[in-house]
Each structure stands twice: as structure tokens, then as C-alpha cells.
Amino acid sequence: IGMFVGFAIPFGVQLAISIPLSFLMKGSKLGSILGT
């Protein structure tokens, strides 16, 4: 999730998207943050 958001979304709003996505998709919150 973090990797996807890291490439698809502009720098600066990535965390605001990756963290809620990790809740929705039941993924690691830490991983989604670090992946960005």
C-alpha cells in the first residue's frame, strides 16, 4: 500500500492517503508509512 501510494500520489499528501488505506485494506500501518 505504501509503495503504491509513494509512486501514485504526490509527495506531501501520501501519509494522509496511505494510513486510511491500510485500515481499509487491513495492512500494516507501519509498513504503509515506511513504504511511502
Full PDB file with SEQRES, HELIX, SHEET, SSBOND, CRYST1, ORIGX, SCALE, CONECT and MASTER records, all heavy atoms in Angstrom:
SEQRES   1 A   36  ILE GLY MET PHE VAL GLY PHE ALA ILE PRO PHE GLY VAL          
SEQRES   2 A   36  GLN LEU ALA ILE SER ILE PRO LEU SER PHE LEU MET LYS          
SEQRES   3 A   36  GLY SER LYS LEU GLY SER ILE LEU GLY THR                      
HELIX    1 AA1 GLY A    2  ALA A    8  1                                   7    
HELIX    2 AA2 GLN A   14  LEU A   24  1                                  11    
HELIX    3 AA3 LYS A   29  GLY A   35  1                                   7    
CRYST1    1.000    1.000    1.000  90.00  90.00  90.00 P 1           1          
ORIGX1      1.000000  0.000000  0.000000        0.00000                         
ORIGX2      0.000000  1.000000  0.000000        0.00000                         
ORIGX3      0.000000  0.000000  1.000000        0.00000                         
SCALE1      1.000000  0.000000  0.000000        0.00000                         
SCALE2      0.000000  1.000000  0.000000        0.00000                         
SCALE3      0.000000  0.000000  1.000000        0.00000                         
ATOM      1  N   ILE A   1       0.845  -1.198   0.000  1.00  0.00           N  
ATOM      2  CA  ILE A   1       0.000   0.000   0.000  1.00  0.00           C  
ATOM      3  C   ILE A   1       0.879   1.247   0.000  1.00  0.00           C  
ATOM      4  O   ILE A   1       0.675   2.181  -0.784  1.00  0.00           O  
ATOM      5  CB  ILE A   1      -0.950   0.010   1.212  1.00  0.00           C  
ATOM      6  CG1 ILE A   1      -2.011  -1.084   1.076  1.00  0.00           C  
ATOM      7  CG2 ILE A   1      -1.601   1.381   1.410  1.00  0.00           C  
ATOM      8  CD1 ILE A   1      -2.768  -1.377   2.365  1.00  0.00           C  
ATOM      9  N   GLY A   2       1.875   1.266   0.879  1.00  0.00           N  
ATOM     10  CA  GLY A   2       2.789   2.405   0.950  1.00  0.00           C  
ATOM     11  C   GLY A   2       3.547   2.623  -0.347  1.00  0.00           C  
ATOM     12  O   GLY A   2       3.720   3.753  -0.801  1.00  0.00           O  
ATOM     13  N   MET A   3       3.980   1.528  -0.953  1.00  0.00           N  
ATOM     14  CA  MET A   3       4.718   1.632  -2.221  1.00  0.00           C  
ATOM     15  C   MET A   3       3.811   2.196  -3.316  1.00  0.00           C  
ATOM     16  O   MET A   3       4.213   3.072  -4.069  1.00  0.00           O  
ATOM     17  CB  MET A   3       5.238   0.254  -2.629  1.00  0.00           C  
ATOM     18  CG  MET A   3       6.028   0.241  -3.911  1.00  0.00           C  
ATOM     19  SD  MET A   3       7.612   1.061  -3.837  1.00  0.00           S  
ATOM     20  CE  MET A   3       8.532  -0.082  -2.842  1.00  0.00           C  
ATOM     21  N   PHE A   4       2.580   1.696  -3.381  1.00  0.00           N  
ATOM     22  CA  PHE A   4       1.642   2.180  -4.390  1.00  0.00           C  
ATOM     23  C   PHE A   4       1.408   3.681  -4.224  1.00  0.00           C  
ATOM     24  O   PHE A   4       1.514   4.453  -5.182  1.00  0.00           O  
ATOM     25  CB  PHE A   4       0.314   1.417  -4.301  1.00  0.00           C  
ATOM     26  CG  PHE A   4      -0.655   1.808  -5.374  1.00  0.00           C  
ATOM     27  CD1 PHE A   4      -0.639   1.166  -6.601  1.00  0.00           C  
ATOM     28  CD2 PHE A   4      -1.566   2.834  -5.173  1.00  0.00           C  
ATOM     29  CE1 PHE A   4      -1.512   1.543  -7.613  1.00  0.00           C  
ATOM     30  CE2 PHE A   4      -2.438   3.216  -6.173  1.00  0.00           C  
ATOM     31  CZ  PHE A   4      -2.418   2.560  -7.396  1.00  0.00           C  
ATOM     32  N   VAL A   5       1.103   4.083  -3.001  1.00  0.00           N  
ATOM     33  CA  VAL A   5       0.831   5.496  -2.733  1.00  0.00           C  
ATOM     34  C   VAL A   5       2.087   6.336  -2.977  1.00  0.00           C  
ATOM     35  O   VAL A   5       2.003   7.452  -3.488  1.00  0.00           O  
ATOM     36  CB  VAL A   5       0.289   5.676  -1.297  1.00  0.00           C  
ATOM     37  CG1 VAL A   5       0.208   7.138  -0.904  1.00  0.00           C  
ATOM     38  CG2 VAL A   5      -1.079   5.013  -1.164  1.00  0.00           C  
ATOM     39  N   GLY A   6       3.244   5.786  -2.629  1.00  0.00           N  
ATOM     40  CA  GLY A   6       4.501   6.508  -2.819  1.00  0.00           C  
ATOM     41  C   GLY A   6       4.758   6.897  -4.258  1.00  0.00           C  
ATOM     42  O   GLY A   6       5.327   7.957  -4.529  1.00  0.00           O  
ATOM     43  N   PHE A   7       4.336   6.062  -5.188  1.00  0.00           N  
ATOM     44  CA  PHE A   7       4.531   6.391  -6.602  1.00  0.00           C  
ATOM     45  C   PHE A   7       3.334   7.122  -7.205  1.00  0.00           C  
ATOM     46  O   PHE A   7       3.508   7.989  -8.048  1.00  0.00           O  
ATOM     47  CB  PHE A   7       4.785   5.120  -7.424  1.00  0.00           C  
ATOM     48  CG  PHE A   7       6.196   4.620  -7.330  1.00  0.00           C  
ATOM     49  CD1 PHE A   7       6.459   3.375  -6.807  1.00  0.00           C  
ATOM     50  CD2 PHE A   7       7.259   5.386  -7.775  1.00  0.00           C  
ATOM     51  CE1 PHE A   7       7.754   2.899  -6.724  1.00  0.00           C  
ATOM     52  CE2 PHE A   7       8.563   4.926  -7.692  1.00  0.00           C  
ATOM     53  CZ  PHE A   7       8.807   3.673  -7.162  1.00  0.00           C  
ATOM     54  N   ALA A   8       2.133   6.772  -6.807  1.00  0.00           N  
ATOM     55  CA  ALA A   8       0.943   7.290  -7.480  1.00  0.00           C  
ATOM     56  C   ALA A   8       0.488   8.659  -6.975  1.00  0.00           C  
ATOM     57  O   ALA A   8      -0.195   9.381  -7.696  1.00  0.00           O  
ATOM     58  CB  ALA A   8      -0.210   6.285  -7.340  1.00  0.00           C  
ATOM     59  N   ILE A   9       0.848   9.010  -5.759  1.00  0.00           N  
ATOM     60  CA  ILE A   9       0.363  10.246  -5.143  1.00  0.00           C  
ATOM     61  C   ILE A   9       1.543  11.193  -4.918  1.00  0.00           C  
ATOM     62  O   ILE A   9       2.610  10.761  -4.504  1.00  0.00           O  
ATOM     63  CB  ILE A   9      -0.320   9.927  -3.779  1.00  0.00           C  
ATOM     64  CG1 ILE A   9      -1.432   8.890  -3.951  1.00  0.00           C  
ATOM     65  CG2 ILE A   9      -0.838  11.188  -3.116  1.00  0.00           C  
ATOM     66  CD1 ILE A   9      -2.573   9.305  -4.838  1.00  0.00           C  
ATOM     67  N   PRO A  10       1.359  12.491  -5.142  1.00  0.00           N  
ATOM     68  CA  PRO A  10       2.452  13.447  -4.933  1.00  0.00           C  
ATOM     69  C   PRO A  10       2.937  13.488  -3.482  1.00  0.00           C  
ATOM     70  O   PRO A  10       2.161  13.297  -2.544  1.00  0.00           O  
ATOM     71  CB  PRO A  10       1.846  14.798  -5.317  1.00  0.00           C  
ATOM     72  CG  PRO A  10       0.690  14.473  -6.178  1.00  0.00           C  
ATOM     73  CD  PRO A  10       0.181  13.146  -5.701  1.00  0.00           C  
ATOM     74  N   PHE A  11       4.211  13.724  -3.349  1.00  0.00           N  
ATOM     75  CA  PHE A  11       4.874  13.857  -2.062  1.00  0.00           C  
ATOM     76  C   PHE A  11       4.170  14.934  -1.244  1.00  0.00           C  
ATOM     77  O   PHE A  11       3.854  15.991  -1.740  1.00  0.00           O  
ATOM     78  CB  PHE A  11       6.335  14.252  -2.333  1.00  0.00           C  
ATOM     79  CG  PHE A  11       7.216  14.249  -1.150  1.00  0.00           C  
ATOM     80  CD1 PHE A  11       7.718  13.066  -0.644  1.00  0.00           C  
ATOM     81  CD2 PHE A  11       7.574  15.430  -0.537  1.00  0.00           C  
ATOM     82  CE1 PHE A  11       8.558  13.060   0.438  1.00  0.00           C  
ATOM     83  CE2 PHE A  11       8.421  15.437   0.557  1.00  0.00           C  
ATOM     84  CZ  PHE A  11       8.907  14.252   1.047  1.00  0.00           C  
ATOM     85  N   GLY A  12       3.915  14.652   0.007  1.00  0.00           N  
ATOM     86  CA  GLY A  12       3.285  15.637   0.883  1.00  0.00           C  
ATOM     87  C   GLY A  12       1.904  15.222   1.348  1.00  0.00           C  
ATOM     88  O   GLY A  12       1.500  15.583   2.449  1.00  0.00           O  
ATOM     89  N   VAL A  13       1.173  14.484   0.535  1.00  0.00           N  
ATOM     90  CA  VAL A  13      -0.160  14.017   0.938  1.00  0.00           C  
ATOM     91  C   VAL A  13      -0.211  12.486   1.008  1.00  0.00           C  
ATOM     92  O   VAL A  13      -1.273  11.911   1.203  1.00  0.00           O  
ATOM     93  CB  VAL A  13      -1.262  14.543  -0.016  1.00  0.00           C  
ATOM     94  CG1 VAL A  13      -1.414  16.035   0.093  1.00  0.00           C  
ATOM     95  CG2 VAL A  13      -1.001  14.118  -1.437  1.00  0.00           C  
ATOM     96  N   GLN A  14       0.929  11.867   0.881  1.00  0.00           N  
ATOM     97  CA  GLN A  14       0.974  10.402   0.822  1.00  0.00           C  
ATOM     98  C   GLN A  14       0.500   9.750   2.116  1.00  0.00           C  
ATOM     99  O   GLN A  14      -0.268   8.790   2.076  1.00  0.00           O  
ATOM    100  CB  GLN A  14       2.388   9.939   0.483  1.00  0.00           C  
ATOM    101  CG  GLN A  14       2.819  10.361  -0.888  1.00  0.00           C  
ATOM    102  CD  GLN A  14       4.291  10.108  -1.143  1.00  0.00           C  
ATOM    103  OE1 GLN A  14       5.072   9.922  -0.219  1.00  0.00           O  
ATOM    104  NE2 GLN A  14       4.668  10.107  -2.402  1.00  0.00           N  
ATOM    105  N   LEU A  15       0.949  10.246   3.254  1.00  0.00           N  
ATOM    106  CA  LEU A  15       0.555   9.634   4.530  1.00  0.00           C  
ATOM    107  C   LEU A  15      -0.934   9.783   4.788  1.00  0.00           C  
ATOM    108  O   LEU A  15      -1.559   8.879   5.353  1.00  0.00           O  
ATOM    109  CB  LEU A  15       1.357  10.230   5.689  1.00  0.00           C  
ATOM    110  CG  LEU A  15       2.838   9.902   5.704  1.00  0.00           C  
ATOM    111  CD1 LEU A  15       3.527  10.571   6.887  1.00  0.00           C  
ATOM    112  CD2 LEU A  15       3.065   8.409   5.728  1.00  0.00           C  
ATOM    113  N   ALA A  16      -1.495  10.906   4.371  1.00  0.00           N  
ATOM    114  CA  ALA A  16      -2.931  11.127   4.561  1.00  0.00           C  
ATOM    115  C   ALA A  16      -3.760  10.131   3.757  1.00  0.00           C  
ATOM    116  O   ALA A  16      -4.927   9.909   4.062  1.00  0.00           O  
ATOM    117  CB  ALA A  16      -3.296  12.551   4.157  1.00  0.00           C  
ATOM    118  N   ILE A  17      -3.155   9.517   2.764  1.00  0.00           N  
ATOM    119  CA  ILE A  17      -3.852   8.526   1.949  1.00  0.00           C  
ATOM    120  C   ILE A  17      -3.464   7.107   2.344  1.00  0.00           C  
ATOM    121  O   ILE A  17      -4.308   6.222   2.450  1.00  0.00           O  
ATOM    122  CB  ILE A  17      -3.591   8.787   0.454  1.00  0.00           C  
ATOM    123  CG1 ILE A  17      -4.232  10.119   0.070  1.00  0.00           C  
ATOM    124  CG2 ILE A  17      -4.114   7.647  -0.413  1.00  0.00           C  
ATOM    125  CD1 ILE A  17      -3.898  10.621  -1.292  1.00  0.00           C  
ATOM    126  N   SER A  18      -2.178   6.868   2.605  1.00  0.00           N  
ATOM    127  CA  SER A  18      -1.721   5.500   2.866  1.00  0.00           C  
ATOM    128  C   SER A  18      -2.219   4.957   4.206  1.00  0.00           C  
ATOM    129  O   SER A  18      -2.540   3.772   4.305  1.00  0.00           O  
ATOM    130  CB  SER A  18      -0.199   5.396   2.786  1.00  0.00           C  
ATOM    131  OG  SER A  18       0.413   6.035   3.869  1.00  0.00           O  
ATOM    132  N   ILE A  19      -2.288   5.786   5.229  1.00  0.00           N  
ATOM    133  CA  ILE A  19      -2.729   5.286   6.538  1.00  0.00           C  
ATOM    134  C   ILE A  19      -4.203   4.859   6.509  1.00  0.00           C  
ATOM    135  O   ILE A  19      -4.520   3.742   6.922  1.00  0.00           O  
ATOM    136  CB  ILE A  19      -2.425   6.302   7.653  1.00  0.00           C  
ATOM    137  CG1 ILE A  19      -0.904   6.446   7.793  1.00  0.00           C  
ATOM    138  CG2 ILE A  19      -3.051   5.881   8.973  1.00  0.00           C  
ATOM    139  CD1 ILE A  19      -0.454   7.562   8.702  1.00  0.00           C  
ATOM    140  N   PRO A  20      -5.125   5.702   6.008  1.00  0.00           N  
ATOM    141  CA  PRO A  20      -6.513   5.218   5.915  1.00  0.00           C  
ATOM    142  C   PRO A  20      -6.653   3.991   5.008  1.00  0.00           C  
ATOM    143  O   PRO A  20      -7.442   3.088   5.304  1.00  0.00           O  
ATOM    144  CB  PRO A  20      -7.276   6.416   5.335  1.00  0.00           C  
ATOM    145  CG  PRO A  20      -6.457   7.599   5.681  1.00  0.00           C  
ATOM    146  CD  PRO A  20      -5.036   7.121   5.667  1.00  0.00           C  
ATOM    147  N   LEU A  21      -5.880   3.943   3.919  1.00  0.00           N  
ATOM    148  CA  LEU A  21      -5.928   2.766   3.050  1.00  0.00           C  
ATOM    149  C   LEU A  21      -5.477   1.512   3.780  1.00  0.00           C  
ATOM    150  O   LEU A  21      -6.028   0.433   3.564  1.00  0.00           O  
ATOM    151  CB  LEU A  21      -5.054   2.973   1.807  1.00  0.00           C  
ATOM    152  CG  LEU A  21      -5.688   3.646   0.616  1.00  0.00           C  
ATOM    153  CD1 LEU A  21      -4.665   3.827  -0.505  1.00  0.00           C  
ATOM    154  CD2 LEU A  21      -6.884   2.874   0.119  1.00  0.00           C  
ATOM    155  N   SER A  22      -4.477   1.640   4.647  1.00  0.00           N  
ATOM    156  CA  SER A  22      -4.002   0.470   5.383  1.00  0.00           C  
ATOM    157  C   SER A  22      -5.072  -0.027   6.360  1.00  0.00           C  
ATOM    158  O   SER A  22      -5.169  -1.224   6.606  1.00  0.00           O  
ATOM    159  CB  SER A  22      -2.698   0.763   6.116  1.00  0.00           C  
ATOM    160  OG  SER A  22      -2.882   1.708   7.140  1.00  0.00           O  
ATOM    161  N   PHE A  23      -5.885   0.876   6.887  1.00  0.00           N  
ATOM    162  CA  PHE A  23      -7.007   0.448   7.734  1.00  0.00           C  
ATOM    163  C   PHE A  23      -8.062  -0.262   6.885  1.00  0.00           C  
ATOM    164  O   PHE A  23      -8.565  -1.317   7.256  1.00  0.00           O  
ATOM    165  CB  PHE A  23      -7.646   1.639   8.463  1.00  0.00           C  
ATOM    166  CG  PHE A  23      -6.909   2.053   9.695  1.00  0.00           C  
ATOM    167  CD1 PHE A  23      -6.059   3.149   9.673  1.00  0.00           C  
ATOM    168  CD2 PHE A  23      -7.065   1.349  10.878  1.00  0.00           C  
ATOM    169  CE1 PHE A  23      -5.377   3.534  10.819  1.00  0.00           C  
ATOM    170  CE2 PHE A  23      -6.392   1.725  12.025  1.00  0.00           C  
ATOM    171  CZ  PHE A  23      -5.539   2.822  11.994  1.00  0.00           C  
ATOM    172  N   LEU A  24      -8.396   0.339   5.746  1.00  0.00           N  
ATOM    173  CA  LEU A  24      -9.427  -0.232   4.873  1.00  0.00           C  
ATOM    174  C   LEU A  24      -9.029  -1.599   4.310  1.00  0.00           C  
ATOM    175  O   LEU A  24      -9.856  -2.495   4.202  1.00  0.00           O  
ATOM    176  CB  LEU A  24      -9.735   0.712   3.710  1.00  0.00           C  
ATOM    177  CG  LEU A  24     -10.528   1.963   4.042  1.00  0.00           C  
ATOM    178  CD1 LEU A  24     -10.579   2.895   2.837  1.00  0.00           C  
ATOM    179  CD2 LEU A  24     -11.931   1.599   4.478  1.00  0.00           C  
ATOM    180  N   MET A  25      -7.756  -1.736   3.954  1.00  0.00           N  
ATOM    181  CA  MET A  25      -7.292  -2.959   3.310  1.00  0.00           C  
ATOM    182  C   MET A  25      -6.630  -3.928   4.291  1.00  0.00           C  
ATOM    183  O   MET A  25      -6.055  -4.929   3.875  1.00  0.00           O  
ATOM    184  CB  MET A  25      -6.341  -2.606   2.168  1.00  0.00           C  
ATOM    185  CG  MET A  25      -7.019  -1.755   1.110  1.00  0.00           C  
ATOM    186  SD  MET A  25      -5.923  -1.298  -0.218  1.00  0.00           S  
ATOM    187  CE  MET A  25      -5.862  -2.838  -1.104  1.00  0.00           C  
ATOM    188  N   LYS A  26      -6.718  -3.595   5.577  1.00  0.00           N  
ATOM    189  CA  LYS A  26      -6.172  -4.439   6.632  1.00  0.00           C  
ATOM    190  C   LYS A  26      -4.701  -4.786   6.402  1.00  0.00           C  
ATOM    191  O   LYS A  26      -4.312  -5.946   6.342  1.00  0.00           O  
ATOM    192  CB  LYS A  26      -7.021  -5.695   6.803  1.00  0.00           C  
ATOM    193  CG  LYS A  26      -8.434  -5.402   7.264  1.00  0.00           C  
ATOM    194  CD  LYS A  26      -9.228  -6.676   7.430  1.00  0.00           C  
ATOM    195  CE  LYS A  26     -10.585  -6.498   7.989  1.00  0.00           C  
ATOM    196  NZ  LYS A  26     -11.449  -5.517   7.574  1.00  0.00           N  
ATOM    197  N   GLY A  27      -3.904  -3.738   6.274  1.00  0.00           N  
ATOM    198  CA  GLY A  27      -2.467  -3.891   6.101  1.00  0.00           C  
ATOM    199  C   GLY A  27      -1.732  -3.228   7.244  1.00  0.00           C  
ATOM    200  O   GLY A  27      -2.308  -2.476   8.032  1.00  0.00           O  
ATOM    201  N   SER A  28      -0.466  -3.501   7.350  1.00  0.00           N  
ATOM    202  CA  SER A  28       0.388  -2.946   8.391  1.00  0.00           C  
ATOM    203  C   SER A  28       0.456  -1.420   8.256  1.00  0.00           C  
ATOM    204  O   SER A  28       0.789  -0.900   7.193  1.00  0.00           O  
ATOM    205  CB  SER A  28       1.784  -3.542   8.277  1.00  0.00           C  
ATOM    206  OG  SER A  28       2.698  -2.808   9.038  1.00  0.00           O  
ATOM    207  N   LYS A  29       0.132  -0.736   9.349  1.00  0.00           N  
ATOM    208  CA  LYS A  29       0.181   0.729   9.321  1.00  0.00           C  
ATOM    209  C   LYS A  29       1.625   1.197   9.211  1.00  0.00           C  
ATOM    210  O   LYS A  29       1.934   2.111   8.464  1.00  0.00           O  
ATOM    211  CB  LYS A  29      -0.461   1.325  10.583  1.00  0.00           C  
ATOM    212  CG  LYS A  29      -1.986   1.284  10.622  1.00  0.00           C  
ATOM    213  CD  LYS A  29      -2.507  -0.049  10.359  1.00  0.00           C  
ATOM    214  CE  LYS A  29      -3.975  -0.254  10.579  1.00  0.00           C  
ATOM    215  NZ  LYS A  29      -4.341  -1.624  10.242  1.00  0.00           N  
ATOM    216  N   LEU A  30       2.514   0.537   9.966  1.00  0.00           N  
ATOM    217  CA  LEU A  30       3.928   0.877   9.895  1.00  0.00           C  
ATOM    218  C   LEU A  30       4.465   0.652   8.484  1.00  0.00           C  
ATOM    219  O   LEU A  30       5.173   1.494   7.939  1.00  0.00           O  
ATOM    220  CB  LEU A  30       4.732   0.050  10.902  1.00  0.00           C  
ATOM    221  CG  LEU A  30       6.236   0.245  10.875  1.00  0.00           C  
ATOM    222  CD1 LEU A  30       6.595   1.666  11.288  1.00  0.00           C  
ATOM    223  CD2 LEU A  30       6.920  -0.766  11.767  1.00  0.00           C  
ATOM    224  N   GLY A  31       4.114  -0.471   7.883  1.00  0.00           N  
ATOM    225  CA  GLY A  31       4.554  -0.767   6.523  1.00  0.00           C  
ATOM    226  C   GLY A  31       4.037   0.247   5.524  1.00  0.00           C  
ATOM    227  O   GLY A  31       4.753   0.660   4.603  1.00  0.00           O  
ATOM    228  N   SER A  32       2.796   0.675   5.698  1.00  0.00           N  
ATOM    229  CA  SER A  32       2.241   1.654   4.761  1.00  0.00           C  
ATOM    230  C   SER A  32       2.933   3.000   4.888  1.00  0.00           C  
ATOM    231  O   SER A  32       3.121   3.710   3.908  1.00  0.00           O  
ATOM    232  CB  SER A  32       0.726   1.799   4.949  1.00  0.00           C  
ATOM    233  OG  SER A  32       0.418   2.504   6.126  1.00  0.00           O  
ATOM    234  N   ILE A  33       3.350   3.327   6.096  1.00  0.00           N  
ATOM    235  CA  ILE A  33       4.084   4.580   6.299  1.00  0.00           C  
ATOM    236  C   ILE A  33       5.482   4.475   5.697  1.00  0.00           C  
ATOM    237  O   ILE A  33       5.913   5.337   4.923  1.00  0.00           O  
ATOM    238  CB  ILE A  33       4.166   4.921   7.802  1.00  0.00           C  
ATOM    239  CG1 ILE A  33       2.775   5.283   8.329  1.00  0.00           C  
ATOM    240  CG2 ILE A  33       5.156   6.049   8.059  1.00  0.00           C  
ATOM    241  CD1 ILE A  33       2.683   5.339   9.836  1.00  0.00           C  
ATOM    242  N   LEU A  34       6.188   3.403   6.031  1.00  0.00           N  
ATOM    243  CA  LEU A  34       7.557   3.243   5.543  1.00  0.00           C  
ATOM    244  C   LEU A  34       7.603   3.037   4.029  1.00  0.00           C  
ATOM    245  O   LEU A  34       8.544   3.465   3.373  1.00  0.00           O  
ATOM    246  CB  LEU A  34       8.248   2.082   6.263  1.00  0.00           C  
ATOM    247  CG  LEU A  34       8.473   2.279   7.763  1.00  0.00           C  
ATOM    248  CD1 LEU A  34       9.074   1.023   8.382  1.00  0.00           C  
ATOM    249  CD2 LEU A  34       9.334   3.487   8.041  1.00  0.00           C  
ATOM    250  N   GLY A  35       6.581   2.394   3.473  1.00  0.00           N  
ATOM    251  CA  GLY A  35       6.535   2.177   2.031  1.00  0.00           C  
ATOM    252  C   GLY A  35       6.446   3.461   1.237  1.00  0.00           C  
ATOM    253  O   GLY A  35       6.942   3.542   0.108  1.00  0.00           O  
ATOM    254  N   THR A  36       5.840   4.483   1.825  1.00  0.00           N  
ATOM    255  CA  THR A  36       5.747   5.764   1.106  1.00  0.00           C  
ATOM    256  C   THR A  36       7.096   6.458   1.017  1.00  0.00           C  
ATOM    257  O   THR A  36       7.276   7.370   0.205  1.00  0.00           O  
ATOM    258  CB  THR A  36       4.748   6.736   1.769  1.00  0.00           C  
ATOM    259  OG1 THR A  36       5.187   7.036   3.093  1.00  0.00           O  
ATOM    260  CG2 THR A  36       3.350   6.172   1.796  1.00  0.00           C  
TER     261      THR A  36                                                      
MASTER        0    0    0    3    0    0    0    6  260    1    0    3          
END                                                                             
